[in-house]
């Protein structure tokens, strides 16, 4: 777990797919790269490694990639 507080990302509607969220949040440059890092097990959702690219993410969920954590807000 990171010592850095989570950055809040506000979405307009839920759920949002995990791959879309990490691209939208600026954690990665492209959708293809997002799908790749998720399938490689490099992304965590609520503290658990998540490998489903299209996993539905809702408000209150926390996503961690590359040492940065974002919290989803609606």
PDB file of N, CA and C in Angstrom:
ATOM      1  N   UNK A   1       0.845  -1.172   0.000  1.00  0.00           N
ATOM      2  CA  UNK A   1       0.000   0.000   0.000  1.00  0.00           C
ATOM      3  C   UNK A   1       0.892   1.238   0.000  1.00  0.00           C
ATOM      4  N   UNK A   2       0.511   2.194  -0.779  1.00  0.00           N
ATOM      5  CA  UNK A   2       1.294   3.409  -0.915  1.00  0.00           C
ATOM      6  C   UNK A   2       0.989   4.389   0.222  1.00  0.00           C
ATOM      7  N   UNK A   3       1.998   5.199   0.614  1.00  0.00           N
ATOM      8  CA  UNK A   3       1.798   6.227   1.626  1.00  0.00           C
ATOM      9  C   UNK A   3       1.142   7.469   1.024  1.00  0.00           C
ATOM     10  N   UNK A   4       1.193   7.596  -0.286  1.00  0.00           N
ATOM     11  CA  UNK A   4       0.627   8.740  -0.977  1.00  0.00           C
ATOM     12  C   UNK A   4      -0.895   8.627  -0.978  1.00  0.00           C
ATOM     13  N   UNK A   5      -1.603   9.709  -0.627  1.00  0.00           N
ATOM     14  CA  UNK A   5      -3.066   9.627  -0.653  1.00  0.00           C
ATOM     15  C   UNK A   5      -3.583   9.412  -2.072  1.00  0.00           C
ATOM     16  N   UNK A   6      -4.730   8.768  -2.160  1.00  0.00           N
ATOM     17  CA  UNK A   6      -5.334   8.495  -3.463  1.00  0.00           C
ATOM     18  C   UNK A   6      -5.782   9.796  -4.116  1.00  0.00           C
ATOM     19  N   UNK A   7      -5.572   9.868  -5.414  1.00  0.00           N
ATOM     20  CA  UNK A   7      -6.057  10.998  -6.202  1.00  0.00           C
ATOM     21  C   UNK A   7      -7.480  10.663  -6.631  1.00  0.00           C
ATOM     22  N   UNK A   8      -8.405  11.583  -6.466  1.00  0.00           N
ATOM     23  CA  UNK A   8      -9.808  11.328  -6.800  1.00  0.00           C
ATOM     24  C   UNK A   8     -10.052  11.634  -8.275  1.00  0.00           C
ATOM     25  N   UNK A   9     -10.654  10.669  -8.961  1.00  0.00           N
ATOM     26  CA  UNK A   9     -11.029  10.823 -10.364  1.00  0.00           C
ATOM     27  C   UNK A   9     -12.549  10.772 -10.431  1.00  0.00           C
ATOM     28  N   UNK A  10     -13.161  11.805 -10.993  1.00  0.00           N
ATOM     29  CA  UNK A  10     -14.616  11.865 -11.081  1.00  0.00           C
ATOM     30  C   UNK A  10     -15.064  11.399 -12.463  1.00  0.00           C
ATOM     31  N   UNK A  11     -15.996  10.444 -12.455  1.00  0.00           N
ATOM     32  CA  UNK A  11     -16.563   9.947 -13.707  1.00  0.00           C
ATOM     33  C   UNK A  11     -18.011  10.426 -13.802  1.00  0.00           C
ATOM     34  N   UNK A  12     -18.547  10.469 -15.025  1.00  0.00           N
ATOM     35  CA  UNK A  12     -19.908  10.973 -15.230  1.00  0.00           C
ATOM     36  C   UNK A  12     -20.959   9.891 -15.036  1.00  0.00           C
ATOM     37  N   UNK A  13     -20.590   8.652 -15.269  1.00  0.00           N
ATOM     38  CA  UNK A  13     -21.541   7.549 -15.140  1.00  0.00           C
ATOM     39  C   UNK A  13     -20.792   6.314 -14.701  1.00  0.00           C
ATOM     40  N   UNK A  14     -21.475   5.455 -13.982  1.00  0.00           N
ATOM     41  CA  UNK A  14     -20.859   4.201 -13.577  1.00  0.00           C
ATOM     42  C   UNK A  14     -21.728   3.048 -14.057  1.00  0.00           C
ATOM     43  N   UNK A  15     -21.179   1.873 -14.234  1.00  0.00           N
ATOM     44  CA  UNK A  15     -19.764   1.580 -14.044  1.00  0.00           C
ATOM     45  C   UNK A  15     -18.925   2.014 -15.239  1.00  0.00           C
ATOM     46  N   UNK A  16     -17.614   2.032 -15.026  1.00  0.00           N
ATOM     47  CA  UNK A  16     -16.654   2.280 -16.098  1.00  0.00           C
ATOM     48  C   UNK A  16     -15.720   1.076 -16.142  1.00  0.00           C
ATOM     49  N   UNK A  17     -15.297   0.700 -17.339  1.00  0.00           N
ATOM     50  CA  UNK A  17     -14.387  -0.437 -17.461  1.00  0.00           C
ATOM     51  C   UNK A  17     -13.004  -0.043 -16.958  1.00  0.00           C
ATOM     52  N   UNK A  18     -12.339  -0.982 -16.304  1.00  0.00           N
ATOM     53  CA  UNK A  18     -11.022  -0.734 -15.721  1.00  0.00           C
ATOM     54  C   UNK A  18     -10.037  -0.181 -16.754  1.00  0.00           C
ATOM     55  N   UNK A  19     -10.000  -0.775 -17.942  1.00  0.00           N
ATOM     56  CA  UNK A  19      -9.049  -0.315 -18.964  1.00  0.00           C
ATOM     57  C   UNK A  19      -9.338   1.127 -19.374  1.00  0.00           C
ATOM     58  N   UNK A  20     -10.614   1.499 -19.453  1.00  0.00           N
ATOM     59  CA  UNK A  20     -10.975   2.875 -19.800  1.00  0.00           C
ATOM     60  C   UNK A  20     -10.603   3.833 -18.670  1.00  0.00           C
ATOM     61  N   UNK A  21     -10.794   3.390 -17.444  1.00  0.00           N
ATOM     62  CA  UNK A  21     -10.516   4.245 -16.291  1.00  0.00           C
ATOM     63  C   UNK A  21      -9.041   4.608 -16.189  1.00  0.00           C
ATOM     64  N   UNK A  22      -8.145   3.625 -16.323  1.00  0.00           N
ATOM     65  CA  UNK A  22      -6.731   3.969 -16.143  1.00  0.00           C
ATOM     66  C   UNK A  22      -6.215   4.841 -17.287  1.00  0.00           C
ATOM     67  N   UNK A  23      -6.817   4.718 -18.461  1.00  0.00           N
ATOM     68  CA  UNK A  23      -6.465   5.622 -19.557  1.00  0.00           C
ATOM     69  C   UNK A  23      -7.029   7.022 -19.270  1.00  0.00           C
ATOM     70  N   UNK A  24      -8.298   7.109 -18.880  1.00  0.00           N
ATOM     71  CA  UNK A  24      -8.951   8.379 -18.571  1.00  0.00           C
ATOM     72  C   UNK A  24      -8.229   9.117 -17.446  1.00  0.00           C
ATOM     73  N   UNK A  25      -7.748   8.382 -16.462  1.00  0.00           N
ATOM     74  CA  UNK A  25      -7.068   8.981 -15.308  1.00  0.00           C
ATOM     75  C   UNK A  25      -5.649   9.422 -15.626  1.00  0.00           C
ATOM     76  N   UNK A  26      -5.157   9.065 -16.810  1.00  0.00           N
ATOM     77  CA  UNK A  26      -3.816   9.467 -17.199  1.00  0.00           C
ATOM     78  C   UNK A  26      -2.718   8.591 -16.623  1.00  0.00           C
ATOM     79  N   UNK A  27      -3.092   7.399 -16.139  1.00  0.00           N
ATOM     80  CA  UNK A  27      -2.078   6.491 -15.601  1.00  0.00           C
ATOM     81  C   UNK A  27      -1.313   5.801 -16.719  1.00  0.00           C
ATOM     82  N   UNK A  28      -1.882   5.805 -17.915  1.00  0.00           N
ATOM     83  CA  UNK A  28      -1.250   5.164 -19.074  1.00  0.00           C
ATOM     84  C   UNK A  28      -1.694   5.907 -20.327  1.00  0.00           C
ATOM     85  N   UNK A  29      -0.903   5.797 -21.395  1.00  0.00           N
ATOM     86  CA  UNK A  29      -1.141   6.609 -22.588  1.00  0.00           C
ATOM     87  C   UNK A  29      -2.217   6.101 -23.542  1.00  0.00           C
ATOM     88  N   UNK A  30      -2.404   4.785 -23.631  1.00  0.00           N
ATOM     89  CA  UNK A  30      -3.340   4.275 -24.627  1.00  0.00           C
ATOM     90  C   UNK A  30      -4.164   3.122 -24.077  1.00  0.00           C
ATOM     91  N   UNK A  31      -5.292   2.884 -24.730  1.00  0.00           N
ATOM     92  CA  UNK A  31      -6.149   1.775 -24.330  1.00  0.00           C
ATOM     93  C   UNK A  31      -5.470   0.428 -24.493  1.00  0.00           C
ATOM     94  N   UNK A  32      -4.691   0.287 -25.556  1.00  0.00           N
ATOM     95  CA  UNK A  32      -3.972  -0.966 -25.783  1.00  0.00           C
ATOM     96  C   UNK A  32      -2.958  -1.238 -24.686  1.00  0.00           C
ATOM     97  N   UNK A  33      -2.242  -0.200 -24.282  1.00  0.00           N
ATOM     98  CA  UNK A  33      -1.266  -0.345 -23.195  1.00  0.00           C
ATOM     99  C   UNK A  33      -1.983  -0.652 -21.886  1.00  0.00           C
ATOM    100  N   UNK A  34      -3.152  -0.041 -21.674  1.00  0.00           N
ATOM    101  CA  UNK A  34      -3.940  -0.298 -20.463  1.00  0.00           C
ATOM    102  C   UNK A  34      -4.333  -1.768 -20.395  1.00  0.00           C
ATOM    103  N   UNK A  35      -4.833  -2.305 -21.491  1.00  0.00           N
ATOM    104  CA  UNK A  35      -5.235  -3.714 -21.530  1.00  0.00           C
ATOM    105  C   UNK A  35      -4.044  -4.620 -21.258  1.00  0.00           C
ATOM    106  N   UNK A  36      -2.890  -4.247 -21.785  1.00  0.00           N
ATOM    107  CA  UNK A  36      -1.684  -5.059 -21.599  1.00  0.00           C
ATOM    108  C   UNK A  36      -1.263  -5.103 -20.127  1.00  0.00           C
ATOM    109  N   UNK A  37      -1.184  -3.954 -19.464  1.00  0.00           N
ATOM    110  CA  UNK A  37      -0.724  -3.946 -18.071  1.00  0.00           C
ATOM    111  C   UNK A  37      -1.725  -4.635 -17.149  1.00  0.00           C
ATOM    112  N   UNK A  38      -3.009  -4.546 -17.487  1.00  0.00           N
ATOM    113  CA  UNK A  38      -4.020  -5.250 -16.687  1.00  0.00           C
ATOM    114  C   UNK A  38      -3.847  -6.755 -16.854  1.00  0.00           C
ATOM    115  N   UNK A  39      -3.714  -7.221 -18.095  1.00  0.00           N
ATOM    116  CA  UNK A  39      -3.569  -8.662 -18.335  1.00  0.00           C
ATOM    117  C   UNK A  39      -2.281  -9.220 -17.741  1.00  0.00           C
ATOM    118  N   UNK A  40      -1.266  -8.371 -17.566  1.00  0.00           N
ATOM    119  CA  UNK A  40       0.000  -8.791 -16.961  1.00  0.00           C
ATOM    120  C   UNK A  40      -0.059  -8.806 -15.433  1.00  0.00           C
ATOM    121  N   UNK A  41      -1.189  -8.382 -14.864  1.00  0.00           N
ATOM    122  CA  UNK A  41      -1.340  -8.392 -13.408  1.00  0.00           C
ATOM    123  C   UNK A  41      -0.667  -7.229 -12.704  1.00  0.00           C
ATOM    124  N   UNK A  42      -0.514  -6.108 -13.397  1.00  0.00           N
ATOM    125  CA  UNK A  42       0.180  -4.948 -12.827  1.00  0.00           C
ATOM    126  C   UNK A  42      -0.767  -3.913 -12.226  1.00  0.00           C
ATOM    127  N   UNK A  43      -2.073  -4.190 -12.272  1.00  0.00           N
ATOM    128  CA  UNK A  43      -3.076  -3.250 -11.770  1.00  0.00           C
ATOM    129  C   UNK A  43      -3.833  -3.906 -10.619  1.00  0.00           C
ATOM    130  N   UNK A  44      -4.056  -3.132  -9.555  1.00  0.00           N
ATOM    131  CA  UNK A  44      -4.834  -3.628  -8.416  1.00  0.00           C
ATOM    132  C   UNK A  44      -6.134  -2.856  -8.303  1.00  0.00           C
ATOM    133  N   UNK A  45      -7.195  -3.562  -7.964  1.00  0.00           N
ATOM    134  CA  UNK A  45      -8.502  -2.967  -7.716  1.00  0.00           C
ATOM    135  C   UNK A  45      -8.878  -3.283  -6.273  1.00  0.00           C
ATOM    136  N   UNK A  46      -9.017  -2.250  -5.470  1.00  0.00           N
ATOM    137  CA  UNK A  46      -9.342  -2.407  -4.047  1.00  0.00           C
ATOM    138  C   UNK A  46      -8.382  -3.356  -3.340  1.00  0.00           C
ATOM    139  N   UNK A  47      -7.092  -3.237  -3.667  1.00  0.00           N
ATOM    140  CA  UNK A  47      -6.053  -4.001  -2.993  1.00  0.00           C
ATOM    141  C   UNK A  47      -5.807  -5.401  -3.526  1.00  0.00           C
ATOM    142  N   UNK A  48      -6.571  -5.820  -4.529  1.00  0.00           N
ATOM    143  CA  UNK A  48      -6.411  -7.153  -5.119  1.00  0.00           C
ATOM    144  C   UNK A  48      -5.978  -7.012  -6.574  1.00  0.00           C
ATOM    145  N   UNK A  49      -5.035  -7.861  -7.010  1.00  0.00           N
ATOM    146  CA  UNK A  49      -4.599  -7.843  -8.406  1.00  0.00           C
ATOM    147  C   UNK A  49      -5.802  -8.168  -9.290  1.00  0.00           C
ATOM    148  N   UNK A  50      -6.004  -7.359 -10.318  1.00  0.00           N
ATOM    149  CA  UNK A  50      -7.128  -7.548 -11.231  1.00  0.00           C
ATOM    150  C   UNK A  50      -6.607  -7.760 -12.650  1.00  0.00           C
ATOM    151  N   UNK A  51      -7.019  -8.851 -13.286  1.00  0.00           N
ATOM    152  CA  UNK A  51      -6.554  -9.150 -14.647  1.00  0.00           C
ATOM    153  C   UNK A  51      -7.682  -9.071 -15.675  1.00  0.00           C
ATOM    154  N   UNK A  52      -8.899  -8.741 -15.256  1.00  0.00           N
ATOM    155  CA  UNK A  52     -10.012  -8.590 -16.197  1.00  0.00           C
ATOM    156  C   UNK A  52      -9.991  -7.168 -16.761  1.00  0.00           C
ATOM    157  N   UNK A  53      -9.708  -7.046 -18.051  1.00  0.00           N
ATOM    158  CA  UNK A  53      -9.584  -5.733 -18.684  1.00  0.00           C
ATOM    159  C   UNK A  53     -10.873  -4.927 -18.598  1.00  0.00           C
ATOM    160  N   UNK A  54     -11.995  -5.612 -18.726  1.00  0.00           N
ATOM    161  CA  UNK A  54     -13.286  -4.929 -18.753  1.00  0.00           C
ATOM    162  C   UNK A  54     -14.025  -5.001 -17.417  1.00  0.00           C
ATOM    163  N   UNK A  55     -13.286  -5.245 -16.351  1.00  0.00           N
ATOM    164  CA  UNK A  55     -13.877  -5.284 -15.013  1.00  0.00           C
ATOM    165  C   UNK A  55     -14.597  -3.972 -14.754  1.00  0.00           C
ATOM    166  N   UNK A  56     -15.811  -4.048 -14.247  1.00  0.00           N
ATOM    167  CA  UNK A  56     -16.602  -2.848 -13.979  1.00  0.00           C
ATOM    168  C   UNK A  56     -16.132  -2.203 -12.677  1.00  0.00           C
ATOM    169  N   UNK A  57     -15.852  -0.909 -12.751  1.00  0.00           N
ATOM    170  CA  UNK A  57     -15.374  -0.137 -11.602  1.00  0.00           C
ATOM    171  C   UNK A  57     -16.444   0.904 -11.274  1.00  0.00           C
ATOM    172  N   UNK A  58     -16.727   1.052  -9.984  1.00  0.00           N
ATOM    173  CA  UNK A  58     -17.772   1.974  -9.536  1.00  0.00           C
ATOM    174  C   UNK A  58     -17.208   2.981  -8.538  1.00  0.00           C
ATOM    175  N   UNK A  59     -18.022   3.978  -8.214  1.00  0.00           N
ATOM    176  CA  UNK A  59     -17.632   4.997  -7.235  1.00  0.00           C
ATOM    177  C   UNK A  59     -17.223   4.330  -5.928  1.00  0.00           C
ATOM    178  N   UNK A  60     -16.133   4.827  -5.335  1.00  0.00           N
ATOM    179  CA  UNK A  60     -15.619   4.275  -4.092  1.00  0.00           C
ATOM    180  C   UNK A  60     -14.503   3.270  -4.294  1.00  0.00           C
ATOM    181  N   UNK A  61     -14.389   2.722  -5.514  1.00  0.00           N
ATOM    182  CA  UNK A  61     -13.316   1.763  -5.798  1.00  0.00           C
ATOM    183  C   UNK A  61     -11.979   2.485  -5.884  1.00  0.00           C
ATOM    184  N   UNK A  62     -10.919   1.765  -5.515  1.00  0.00           N
ATOM    185  CA  UNK A  62      -9.560   2.307  -5.593  1.00  0.00           C
ATOM    186  C   UNK A  62      -8.743   1.437  -6.541  1.00  0.00           C
ATOM    187  N   UNK A  63      -8.065   2.095  -7.468  1.00  0.00           N
ATOM    188  CA  UNK A  63      -7.249   1.419  -8.471  1.00  0.00           C
ATOM    189  C   UNK A  63      -5.805   1.873  -8.292  1.00  0.00           C
ATOM    190  N   UNK A  64      -4.884   0.913  -8.268  1.00  0.00           N
ATOM    191  CA  UNK A  64      -3.467   1.227  -8.113  1.00  0.00           C
ATOM    192  C   UNK A  64      -2.692   0.671  -9.295  1.00  0.00           C
ATOM    193  N   UNK A  65      -1.840   1.520  -9.873  1.00  0.00           N
ATOM    194  CA  UNK A  65      -0.944   1.124 -10.957  1.00  0.00           C
ATOM    195  C   UNK A  65       0.322   1.950 -10.858  1.00  0.00           C
ATOM    196  N   UNK A  66       1.455   1.278 -10.963  1.00  0.00           N
ATOM    197  CA  UNK A  66       2.749   1.952 -11.010  1.00  0.00           C
ATOM    198  C   UNK A  66       2.956   2.893  -9.815  1.00  0.00           C
ATOM    199  N   UNK A  67       2.520   2.445  -8.636  1.00  0.00           N
ATOM    200  CA  UNK A  67       2.739   3.216  -7.425  1.00  0.00           C
ATOM    201  C   UNK A  67       1.765   4.356  -7.189  1.00  0.00           C
ATOM    202  N   UNK A  68       0.815   4.547  -8.083  1.00  0.00           N
ATOM    203  CA  UNK A  68      -0.170   5.630  -7.926  1.00  0.00           C
ATOM    204  C   UNK A  68      -1.544   5.035  -7.717  1.00  0.00           C
ATOM    205  N   UNK A  69      -2.270   5.574  -6.736  1.00  0.00           N
ATOM    206  CA  UNK A  69      -3.612   5.107  -6.444  1.00  0.00           C
ATOM    207  C   UNK A  69      -4.607   6.194  -6.784  1.00  0.00           C
ATOM    208  N   UNK A  70      -5.695   5.782  -7.451  1.00  0.00           N
ATOM    209  CA  UNK A  70      -6.784   6.693  -7.750  1.00  0.00           C
ATOM    210  C   UNK A  70      -8.053   6.137  -7.106  1.00  0.00           C
ATOM    211  N   UNK A  71      -8.893   7.040  -6.653  1.00  0.00           N
ATOM    212  CA  UNK A  71     -10.196   6.657  -6.102  1.00  0.00           C
ATOM    213  C   UNK A  71     -11.271   7.209  -7.025  1.00  0.00           C
ATOM    214  N   UNK A  72     -12.235   6.368  -7.352  1.00  0.00           N
ATOM    215  CA  UNK A  72     -13.289   6.738  -8.288  1.00  0.00           C
ATOM    216  C   UNK A  72     -14.408   7.444  -7.547  1.00  0.00           C
ATOM    217  N   UNK A  73     -14.842   8.580  -8.101  1.00  0.00           N
ATOM    218  CA  UNK A  73     -15.956   9.348  -7.558  1.00  0.00           C
ATOM    219  C   UNK A  73     -16.952   9.578  -8.682  1.00  0.00           C
ATOM    220  N   UNK A  74     -18.217   9.698  -8.304  1.00  0.00           N
ATOM    221  CA  UNK A  74     -19.267   9.922  -9.313  1.00  0.00           C
ATOM    222  C   UNK A  74     -19.719  11.368  -9.271  1.00  0.00           C
TER     223      UNK A  74
END
